[in-house]
Amino acid sequence: MTMAEAVRWDMFDRDIYASPYETFRRLRNESPVYYNEEYNFYALSRHEDLGKVLTDRETFISGKGMVYNIISNDVEMPAGLFINEDPPMHTMHRSIVSRLFTPRAVASLEHEIRALSEEIVDGLEGRDQFDFMRDFALRLPVQVIGMLVGVPKKDQADLLAVFQKSLHEGSVDPDRQLMQGILDSAAWFNEYLDWREKHPTDDVMTQLMNFEFKDETGGTRTLRREEIVTYLTLITTAGSDTTATGISWAGSLLNDHPDQRRELAEDRSLIPRAFEEVLRCEPPSYHFCRWTTKDVEVHGQKIPAESIVVLLPGAANRDEEKWEDSEQFDIHRDPAQIFTFSFGPHFCLGANLAKIEARIALETLLSRYPEWSVDYDNAVHTKGIDTRGWESLPVSVG
């Protein structure tokens, strides 16, 4: 008898990336504090451990970067990129951006989101094939963010084109493509803000440009141009990508579970909980990171100070200790606490908006196309390591 090969997780391994859940199960059971010597990081995979790390902002900080390629290369972050900040800057910037995502602001968009979703599905009329990601899921979130921040409808298509080029056209160097996409988005918003300064209205963006607040020094000021551009770029690239990816995961999971898809088509009141289950089973974030400020012991194993800790929401969301039949997709499950949108002080500000968009998108699509078939032979996974989803998901309908 030979000993079983030790579990290995490498975020750059494309075979694992395509189907990570057996590896995640082994990590939880065999190596809950996993050390990767080649890339010098520790990975945590259990539900309980992620909950502790994400609420302990003294030991596990975000200011060195939220994803591996940033934190491992000591990349300097621009002011306002609050997902990579700690107090007091995180508290200040997050409180300002949260003004964009108040329940009232988000709820006020529902009618427009539905109209836009109908328009997108109308554009599929007469086709027996389309790309679930590129033709459907990706088109909605960018334009919704445009509406949220006050980008005129005539300019939302230009913003969508920048976004599609930067994140979902494929590249042999996805990290460089992503960075170029961020630069392109920032340039687009800079030009937009030039126009908005000359044409102020009563929209959220004009309010944000004129908003006065106390900064970390105690002085009163308005936002600097670079802070606003960073906010807009972050909200658009991060929020839109994860929302679109989540909707496209619904496309593949409901394809794989046609009986549950049929239930949703017949009773669309089940969709909100079903989408929570989509987010549990297939979180768009493949990983996120923290940096340790001191030595810490987890499961009897020391993680030294100044270490990279990689958190695996896809593993924690399927923890057998948290859910019965955790590997099974079940639209009737109470999802409880999942880590798809992070947790604690860095919980995603746009989570509720993403869920509203997904609910309306699936309601609209299922009313027209209650059945579809995914062509997995020609489907393409995303190519980065920060998020995980479909770059292309061809489907047949009718």
Protein backbone atom coordinates (compact mmCIF):
# COMPACT_ATOMS: atom_id res chain seq x y z
CA MET A 1 0.00 0.00 0.00
CA THR A 2 1.33 3.43 -0.88
CA MET A 3 0.58 6.62 0.98
CA ALA A 4 -1.85 9.00 -0.70
CA GLU A 5 -0.21 11.94 -2.41
CA ALA A 6 -0.30 15.08 -0.30
CA VAL A 7 -2.91 17.62 -1.30
CA ARG A 8 -1.63 20.48 -3.46
CA TRP A 9 -3.31 23.76 -4.34
CA ASP A 10 -1.74 26.11 -6.86
CA MET A 11 -3.87 29.08 -7.87
CA PHE A 12 -2.05 29.22 -11.22
CA ASP A 13 -2.85 25.58 -12.10
CA ARG A 14 -5.50 25.75 -14.82
CA ASP A 15 -6.70 22.17 -14.32
CA ILE A 16 -7.43 22.86 -10.66
CA TYR A 17 -8.97 26.22 -11.60
CA ALA A 18 -11.38 24.52 -14.02
CA SER A 19 -12.61 22.12 -11.33
CA PRO A 20 -11.31 23.02 -7.85
CA TYR A 21 -13.83 21.43 -5.52
CA GLU A 22 -12.22 18.05 -4.89
CA THR A 23 -8.99 19.87 -4.07
CA PHE A 24 -10.91 22.25 -1.80
CA ARG A 25 -12.52 19.30 0.00
CA ARG A 26 -9.10 17.76 0.61
CA LEU A 27 -7.73 21.07 1.86
CA ARG A 28 -10.53 21.37 4.41
CA ASN A 29 -10.06 17.80 5.62
CA GLU A 30 -6.32 17.23 5.29
CA SER A 31 -4.62 20.61 5.34
CA PRO A 32 -6.83 23.41 6.73
CA VAL A 33 -3.70 25.56 7.08
CA TYR A 34 -2.00 24.88 3.77
CA TYR A 35 1.44 26.29 2.98
CA ASN A 36 2.56 26.70 -0.63
CA GLU A 37 6.34 26.94 -0.56
CA GLU A 38 6.73 27.91 -4.23
CA TYR A 39 4.56 31.02 -3.92
CA ASN A 40 5.04 31.58 -0.19
CA PHE A 41 1.46 31.81 1.01
CA TYR A 42 -0.80 30.12 3.54
CA ALA A 43 -4.30 29.10 2.42
CA LEU A 44 -7.36 28.73 4.66
CA SER A 45 -10.36 26.78 3.46
CA ARG A 46 -12.73 26.11 6.38
CA HIS A 47 -15.85 28.18 6.98
CA GLU A 48 -15.07 28.90 10.62
CA ASP A 49 -11.53 30.06 9.83
CA LEU A 50 -12.60 32.51 7.12
CA GLY A 51 -15.14 34.02 9.48
CA LYS A 52 -12.47 34.61 12.13
CA VAL A 53 -9.92 36.08 9.72
CA LEU A 54 -12.33 38.43 7.99
CA THR A 55 -13.42 39.99 11.29
CA ASP A 56 -9.95 40.26 12.86
CA ARG A 57 -8.64 43.40 11.19
CA GLU A 58 -5.86 43.82 13.73
CA THR A 59 -4.07 40.58 12.85
CA PHE A 60 -5.13 40.16 9.21
CA ILE A 61 -4.95 43.45 7.32
CA SER A 62 -6.01 44.47 3.81
CA GLY A 63 -3.66 47.40 3.28
CA LYS A 64 -1.02 45.34 1.47
CA GLY A 65 -3.51 44.19 -1.17
CA MET A 66 -6.60 42.04 -1.50
CA VAL A 67 -5.41 39.59 -4.20
CA TYR A 68 -2.23 37.58 -4.57
CA ASN A 69 -0.56 39.34 -7.51
CA ILE A 70 -0.89 42.69 -5.76
CA ILE A 71 0.10 41.62 -2.26
CA SER A 72 3.03 39.44 -3.40
CA ASN A 73 4.50 42.17 -5.61
CA ASP A 74 4.07 44.97 -3.05
CA VAL A 75 2.10 47.09 -5.53
CA GLU A 76 1.35 50.62 -4.34
CA MET A 77 -2.38 51.27 -4.30
CA PRO A 78 -3.98 54.55 -5.44
CA ALA A 79 -5.90 56.64 -2.91
CA GLY A 80 -9.53 55.57 -2.68
CA LEU A 81 -9.06 51.88 -3.49
CA PHE A 82 -10.72 51.07 -0.19
CA ILE A 83 -10.87 47.29 -0.66
CA ASN A 84 -7.07 47.45 -0.16
CA GLU A 85 -7.15 49.80 2.81
CA ASP A 86 -7.28 49.59 6.59
CA PRO A 87 -8.63 52.14 9.11
CA PRO A 88 -8.73 55.07 9.15
CA MET A 89 -8.55 55.38 5.33
CA HIS A 90 -10.80 52.39 4.71
CA THR A 91 -13.43 53.73 7.10
CA MET A 92 -13.37 57.17 5.49
CA HIS A 93 -13.45 56.05 1.84
CA ARG A 94 -15.99 53.29 2.39
CA SER A 95 -18.38 55.63 4.19
CA ILE A 96 -18.24 58.03 1.23
CA VAL A 97 -18.78 55.37 -1.43
CA SER A 98 -21.59 53.82 0.60
CA ARG A 99 -23.64 56.89 -0.34
CA LEU A 100 -23.95 55.36 -3.80
CA PHE A 101 -25.41 52.13 -2.43
CA THR A 102 -28.05 53.22 0.07
CA PRO A 103 -31.18 51.02 0.05
CA ARG A 104 -33.13 53.93 -1.40
CA ALA A 105 -30.62 54.53 -4.22
CA VAL A 106 -30.52 50.84 -5.11
CA ALA A 107 -34.29 50.31 -4.90
CA SER A 108 -34.91 53.35 -7.09
CA LEU A 109 -33.13 51.60 -9.96
CA GLU A 110 -35.34 48.51 -10.04
CA HIS A 111 -37.71 49.81 -12.71
CA GLU A 112 -34.83 50.86 -14.94
CA ILE A 113 -33.00 47.55 -14.36
CA ARG A 114 -36.09 45.66 -15.46
CA ALA A 115 -36.48 47.81 -18.56
CA LEU A 116 -32.82 47.31 -19.45
CA SER A 117 -33.07 43.56 -18.85
CA GLU A 118 -36.11 43.39 -21.13
CA GLU A 119 -34.20 45.33 -23.77
CA ILE A 120 -31.27 42.91 -23.60
CA VAL A 121 -33.51 39.85 -23.86
CA ASP A 122 -35.46 41.51 -26.72
CA GLY A 123 -32.16 41.63 -28.57
CA LEU A 124 -31.94 37.84 -28.39
CA GLU A 125 -35.32 37.40 -30.08
CA GLY A 126 -35.24 35.09 -33.09
CA ARG A 127 -31.89 33.55 -32.22
CA ASP A 128 -31.57 29.86 -31.45
CA GLN A 129 -28.06 30.34 -30.03
CA PHE A 130 -26.36 33.05 -28.00
CA ASP A 131 -23.52 33.49 -25.52
CA PHE A 132 -24.97 33.52 -22.02
CA MET A 133 -22.04 35.57 -20.71
CA ARG A 134 -21.22 37.98 -23.52
CA ASP A 135 -24.72 38.52 -24.93
CA PHE A 136 -26.67 38.48 -21.69
CA ALA A 137 -24.97 38.43 -18.28
CA LEU A 138 -22.18 40.89 -19.06
CA ARG A 139 -24.36 43.54 -20.65
CA LEU A 140 -26.55 44.33 -17.66
CA PRO A 141 -24.22 45.20 -14.72
CA VAL A 142 -22.01 47.78 -16.44
CA GLN A 143 -25.00 49.75 -17.64
CA VAL A 144 -26.65 49.53 -14.22
CA ILE A 145 -23.52 50.96 -12.60
CA GLY A 146 -23.63 53.68 -15.26
CA MET A 147 -27.19 54.52 -14.22
CA LEU A 148 -26.22 54.47 -10.54
CA VAL A 149 -23.45 57.03 -10.91
CA GLY A 150 -25.24 59.18 -13.47
CA VAL A 151 -23.61 58.25 -16.79
CA PRO A 152 -26.10 59.28 -19.53
CA LYS A 153 -27.70 56.36 -21.34
CA LYS A 154 -26.12 57.36 -24.64
CA ASP A 155 -22.66 56.94 -23.06
CA GLN A 156 -23.32 53.67 -21.25
CA ALA A 157 -22.64 51.67 -24.43
CA ASP A 158 -19.16 53.23 -24.63
CA LEU A 159 -18.48 52.30 -21.02
CA LEU A 160 -19.66 48.74 -21.72
CA ALA A 161 -17.30 48.50 -24.70
CA VAL A 162 -14.31 49.56 -22.55
CA PHE A 163 -15.25 47.02 -19.93
CA GLN A 164 -15.77 44.15 -22.38
CA LYS A 165 -12.44 44.80 -24.04
CA SER A 166 -10.56 44.97 -20.76
CA LEU A 167 -11.94 41.89 -19.05
CA HIS A 168 -13.61 39.48 -21.43
CA GLU A 169 -11.84 39.34 -24.75
CA GLY A 170 -9.22 36.82 -23.66
CA SER A 171 -5.47 37.28 -23.35
CA VAL A 172 -2.29 35.26 -23.00
CA ASP A 173 -1.38 37.69 -20.22
CA PRO A 174 -4.58 38.25 -18.18
CA ASP A 175 -2.82 40.26 -15.46
CA ARG A 176 -1.47 42.78 -17.94
CA GLN A 177 -4.85 42.88 -19.69
CA LEU A 178 -6.59 43.56 -16.39
CA MET A 179 -4.17 46.38 -15.55
CA GLN A 180 -4.66 47.88 -19.00
CA GLY A 181 -8.40 47.60 -18.51
CA ILE A 182 -8.18 49.52 -15.26
CA LEU A 183 -6.13 52.24 -16.98
CA ASP A 184 -8.61 52.40 -19.89
CA SER A 185 -11.55 52.65 -17.47
CA ALA A 186 -9.80 55.38 -15.49
CA ALA A 187 -9.13 57.36 -18.69
CA TRP A 188 -12.78 57.01 -19.71
CA PHE A 189 -14.02 58.26 -16.34
CA ASN A 190 -11.55 61.15 -16.35
CA GLU A 191 -13.04 62.35 -19.63
CA TYR A 192 -16.55 61.80 -18.31
CA LEU A 193 -15.82 63.86 -15.19
CA ASP A 194 -14.49 66.71 -17.35
CA TRP A 195 -17.89 66.74 -19.07
CA ARG A 196 -19.87 66.36 -15.83
CA GLU A 197 -18.08 69.34 -14.21
CA LYS A 198 -19.35 71.50 -17.07
CA HIS A 199 -22.82 69.93 -16.98
CA PRO A 200 -23.75 69.43 -13.29
CA THR A 201 -27.12 67.90 -12.49
CA ASP A 202 -28.86 66.53 -9.44
CA ASP A 203 -27.35 63.06 -9.91
CA VAL A 204 -25.25 61.07 -7.47
CA MET A 205 -22.02 61.83 -9.29
CA THR A 206 -22.45 65.60 -9.06
CA GLN A 207 -23.25 65.21 -5.37
CA LEU A 208 -20.13 63.13 -4.88
CA MET A 209 -17.96 65.72 -6.63
CA ASN A 210 -19.27 68.43 -4.31
CA PHE A 211 -19.44 66.38 -1.13
CA GLU A 212 -17.50 67.84 1.84
CA PHE A 213 -16.16 65.60 4.58
CA LYS A 214 -13.55 65.37 7.30
CA ASP A 215 -10.49 63.45 6.16
CA GLU A 216 -7.97 61.45 8.17
CA THR A 217 -6.22 64.65 9.31
CA GLY A 218 -9.41 66.15 10.70
CA GLY A 219 -9.57 68.80 7.98
CA THR A 220 -12.61 69.44 5.79
CA ARG A 221 -12.29 69.00 2.03
CA THR A 222 -13.95 67.64 -1.09
CA LEU A 223 -12.81 64.53 -2.93
CA ARG A 224 -9.77 64.76 -5.14
CA ARG A 225 -10.20 63.88 -8.80
CA GLU A 226 -7.99 60.77 -8.48
CA GLU A 227 -10.10 59.49 -5.57
CA ILE A 228 -13.32 59.80 -7.56
CA VAL A 229 -11.77 58.11 -10.60
CA THR A 230 -10.52 55.28 -8.39
CA TYR A 231 -13.99 54.85 -6.85
CA LEU A 232 -15.63 54.70 -10.26
CA THR A 233 -13.07 52.34 -11.74
CA LEU A 234 -13.28 49.99 -8.74
CA ILE A 235 -17.07 49.98 -8.66
CA THR A 236 -17.34 49.36 -12.39
CA THR A 237 -14.63 46.76 -12.90
CA ALA A 238 -14.98 44.80 -9.67
CA GLY A 239 -18.72 45.11 -9.15
CA SER A 240 -19.74 44.55 -12.74
CA ASP A 241 -17.42 41.62 -13.34
CA THR A 242 -18.49 39.68 -10.27
CA THR A 243 -22.20 40.34 -10.90
CA ALA A 244 -21.95 39.23 -14.53
CA THR A 245 -19.95 36.18 -13.51
CA GLY A 246 -22.53 35.25 -10.89
CA ILE A 247 -25.35 35.49 -13.43
CA SER A 248 -23.42 33.34 -15.90
CA TRP A 249 -22.83 30.72 -13.18
CA ALA A 250 -26.62 30.62 -12.81
CA GLY A 251 -26.74 29.84 -16.51
CA SER A 252 -24.49 26.80 -16.20
CA LEU A 253 -25.82 25.50 -12.86
CA LEU A 254 -29.45 25.72 -13.98
CA ASN A 255 -28.48 23.98 -17.21
CA ASP A 256 -26.98 21.16 -15.14
CA HIS A 257 -30.08 20.93 -12.94
CA PRO A 258 -33.01 21.22 -15.37
CA ASP A 259 -35.63 20.09 -12.84
CA GLN A 260 -34.69 22.98 -10.55
CA ARG A 261 -34.62 25.37 -13.51
CA ARG A 262 -38.15 24.23 -14.36
CA GLU A 263 -39.24 25.01 -10.79
CA LEU A 264 -37.88 28.56 -11.12
CA ALA A 265 -39.62 29.08 -14.46
CA GLU A 266 -42.91 28.02 -12.87
CA ASP A 267 -42.42 29.92 -9.61
CA ARG A 268 -40.14 32.90 -9.94
CA SER A 269 -40.54 33.79 -6.26
CA LEU A 270 -37.91 31.07 -5.71
CA ILE A 271 -35.27 32.99 -7.67
CA PRO A 272 -33.74 35.09 -4.83
CA ARG A 273 -32.92 32.03 -2.74
CA ALA A 274 -31.82 30.13 -5.84
CA PHE A 275 -29.31 32.85 -6.70
CA GLU A 276 -27.95 32.72 -3.14
CA GLU A 277 -27.33 29.03 -3.75
CA VAL A 278 -25.59 29.86 -7.04
CA LEU A 279 -23.32 32.24 -5.13
CA ARG A 280 -22.64 29.58 -2.51
CA CYS A 281 -21.76 26.86 -5.01
CA GLU A 282 -19.83 28.98 -7.50
CA PRO A 283 -18.54 32.23 -5.99
CA PRO A 284 -17.07 34.60 -8.60
CA SER A 285 -14.09 35.37 -6.34
CA TYR A 286 -11.53 32.56 -6.64
CA HIS A 287 -9.51 33.92 -3.75
CA PHE A 288 -8.80 36.98 -1.67
CA CYS A 289 -5.88 37.77 0.61
CA ARG A 290 -4.84 39.23 3.92
CA TRP A 291 -1.42 40.12 5.42
CA THR A 292 -0.51 39.11 8.96
CA THR A 293 0.74 41.79 11.34
CA LYS A 294 1.98 39.29 13.94
CA ASP A 295 2.50 35.58 14.50
CA VAL A 296 -0.80 33.74 14.73
CA GLU A 297 -1.65 30.11 15.40
CA VAL A 298 -4.41 28.34 13.48
CA HIS A 299 -5.19 24.67 14.14
CA GLY A 300 -1.94 24.36 16.03
CA GLN A 301 0.11 25.65 13.11
CA LYS A 302 2.02 28.91 13.26
CA ILE A 303 1.51 31.50 10.53
CA PRO A 304 4.38 33.98 10.95
CA ALA A 305 4.04 37.75 10.95
CA GLU A 306 4.29 39.36 7.50
CA SER A 307 2.80 36.34 5.74
CA ILE A 308 0.33 36.22 2.86
CA VAL A 309 -2.88 34.44 3.84
CA VAL A 310 -5.04 33.32 0.92
CA LEU A 311 -8.73 32.81 1.72
CA LEU A 312 -10.79 30.42 -0.39
CA PRO A 313 -14.50 31.34 -0.41
CA GLY A 314 -15.28 28.49 -2.80
CA ALA A 315 -13.94 26.01 -0.26
CA ALA A 316 -15.54 27.62 2.81
CA ASN A 317 -18.91 27.87 1.04
CA ARG A 318 -18.97 24.07 0.69
CA ASP A 319 -17.78 23.19 4.18
CA GLU A 320 -19.41 19.93 5.33
CA GLU A 321 -19.41 21.23 8.90
CA LYS A 322 -21.71 24.08 7.86
CA TRP A 323 -24.09 22.50 5.34
CA GLU A 324 -25.54 19.05 4.86
CA ASP A 325 -24.90 17.68 1.35
CA SER A 326 -22.68 20.71 0.87
CA GLU A 327 -21.53 19.71 -2.62
CA GLN A 328 -25.09 19.54 -3.93
CA PHE A 329 -26.84 22.43 -5.67
CA ASP A 330 -30.25 22.96 -4.05
CA ILE A 331 -32.37 26.03 -4.77
CA HIS A 332 -34.42 25.37 -1.61
CA ARG A 333 -31.41 25.51 0.71
CA ASP A 334 -31.09 28.21 3.34
CA PRO A 335 -27.62 29.43 2.35
CA ALA A 336 -26.85 30.92 5.79
CA GLN A 337 -23.50 32.76 5.95
CA ILE A 338 -21.52 32.53 2.72
CA PHE A 339 -18.29 34.36 1.90
CA THR A 340 -18.96 35.16 -1.74
CA PHE A 341 -19.15 38.88 -0.98
CA SER A 342 -16.52 38.65 1.77
CA PHE A 343 -17.60 39.31 5.37
CA GLY A 344 -17.15 41.80 8.17
CA PRO A 345 -15.76 45.32 7.55
CA HIS A 346 -14.97 44.54 3.91
CA PHE A 347 -18.37 43.06 3.01
CA CYS A 348 -19.17 44.10 -0.55
CA LEU A 349 -21.10 47.38 -0.71
CA GLY A 350 -22.76 46.33 -3.98
CA ALA A 351 -24.01 42.92 -2.80
CA ASN A 352 -27.68 43.93 -2.62
CA LEU A 353 -27.53 45.62 -6.01
CA ALA A 354 -25.93 42.51 -7.52
CA LYS A 355 -28.72 40.32 -6.13
CA ILE A 356 -31.43 42.64 -7.47
CA GLU A 357 -29.81 42.62 -10.91
CA ALA A 358 -29.52 38.84 -10.93
CA ARG A 359 -33.11 38.35 -9.76
CA ILE A 360 -34.50 40.61 -12.46
CA ALA A 361 -32.21 39.17 -15.14
CA LEU A 362 -33.27 35.60 -14.36
CA GLU A 363 -36.96 36.55 -14.11
CA THR A 364 -36.75 38.17 -17.53
CA LEU A 365 -34.80 35.37 -19.17
CA LEU A 366 -36.88 32.51 -17.75
CA SER A 367 -40.10 34.17 -18.91
CA ARG A 368 -38.81 33.99 -22.51
CA TYR A 369 -36.42 31.04 -22.42
CA PRO A 370 -37.42 28.53 -19.73
CA GLU A 371 -34.93 26.03 -21.16
CA TRP A 372 -31.45 26.22 -22.65
CA SER A 373 -28.59 23.87 -23.35
CA VAL A 374 -24.93 24.80 -22.71
CA ASP A 375 -22.32 23.89 -25.30
CA TYR A 376 -19.55 23.01 -22.85
CA ASP A 377 -17.23 21.90 -25.66
CA ASN A 378 -16.94 25.53 -26.72
CA ALA A 379 -17.35 27.21 -23.34
CA VAL A 380 -14.30 29.09 -22.04
CA HIS A 381 -13.35 29.79 -18.43
CA THR A 382 -11.97 33.17 -17.41
CA LYS A 383 -8.18 33.28 -17.46
CA GLY A 384 -7.16 35.19 -14.33
CA ILE A 385 -6.68 34.00 -10.75
CA ASP A 386 -8.69 36.63 -8.85
CA THR A 387 -12.11 35.61 -10.14
CA ARG A 388 -13.41 32.38 -11.63
CA GLY A 389 -16.23 32.06 -14.11
CA TRP A 390 -17.13 31.96 -17.77
CA GLU A 391 -15.54 34.16 -20.37
CA SER A 392 -17.83 32.53 -22.93
CA LEU A 393 -20.83 30.29 -22.30
CA PRO A 394 -22.58 29.37 -25.58
CA VAL A 395 -26.16 28.12 -25.23
CA SER A 396 -28.87 26.85 -27.54
CA VAL A 397 -32.51 27.76 -26.92
CA GLY A 398 -35.84 26.90 -28.43
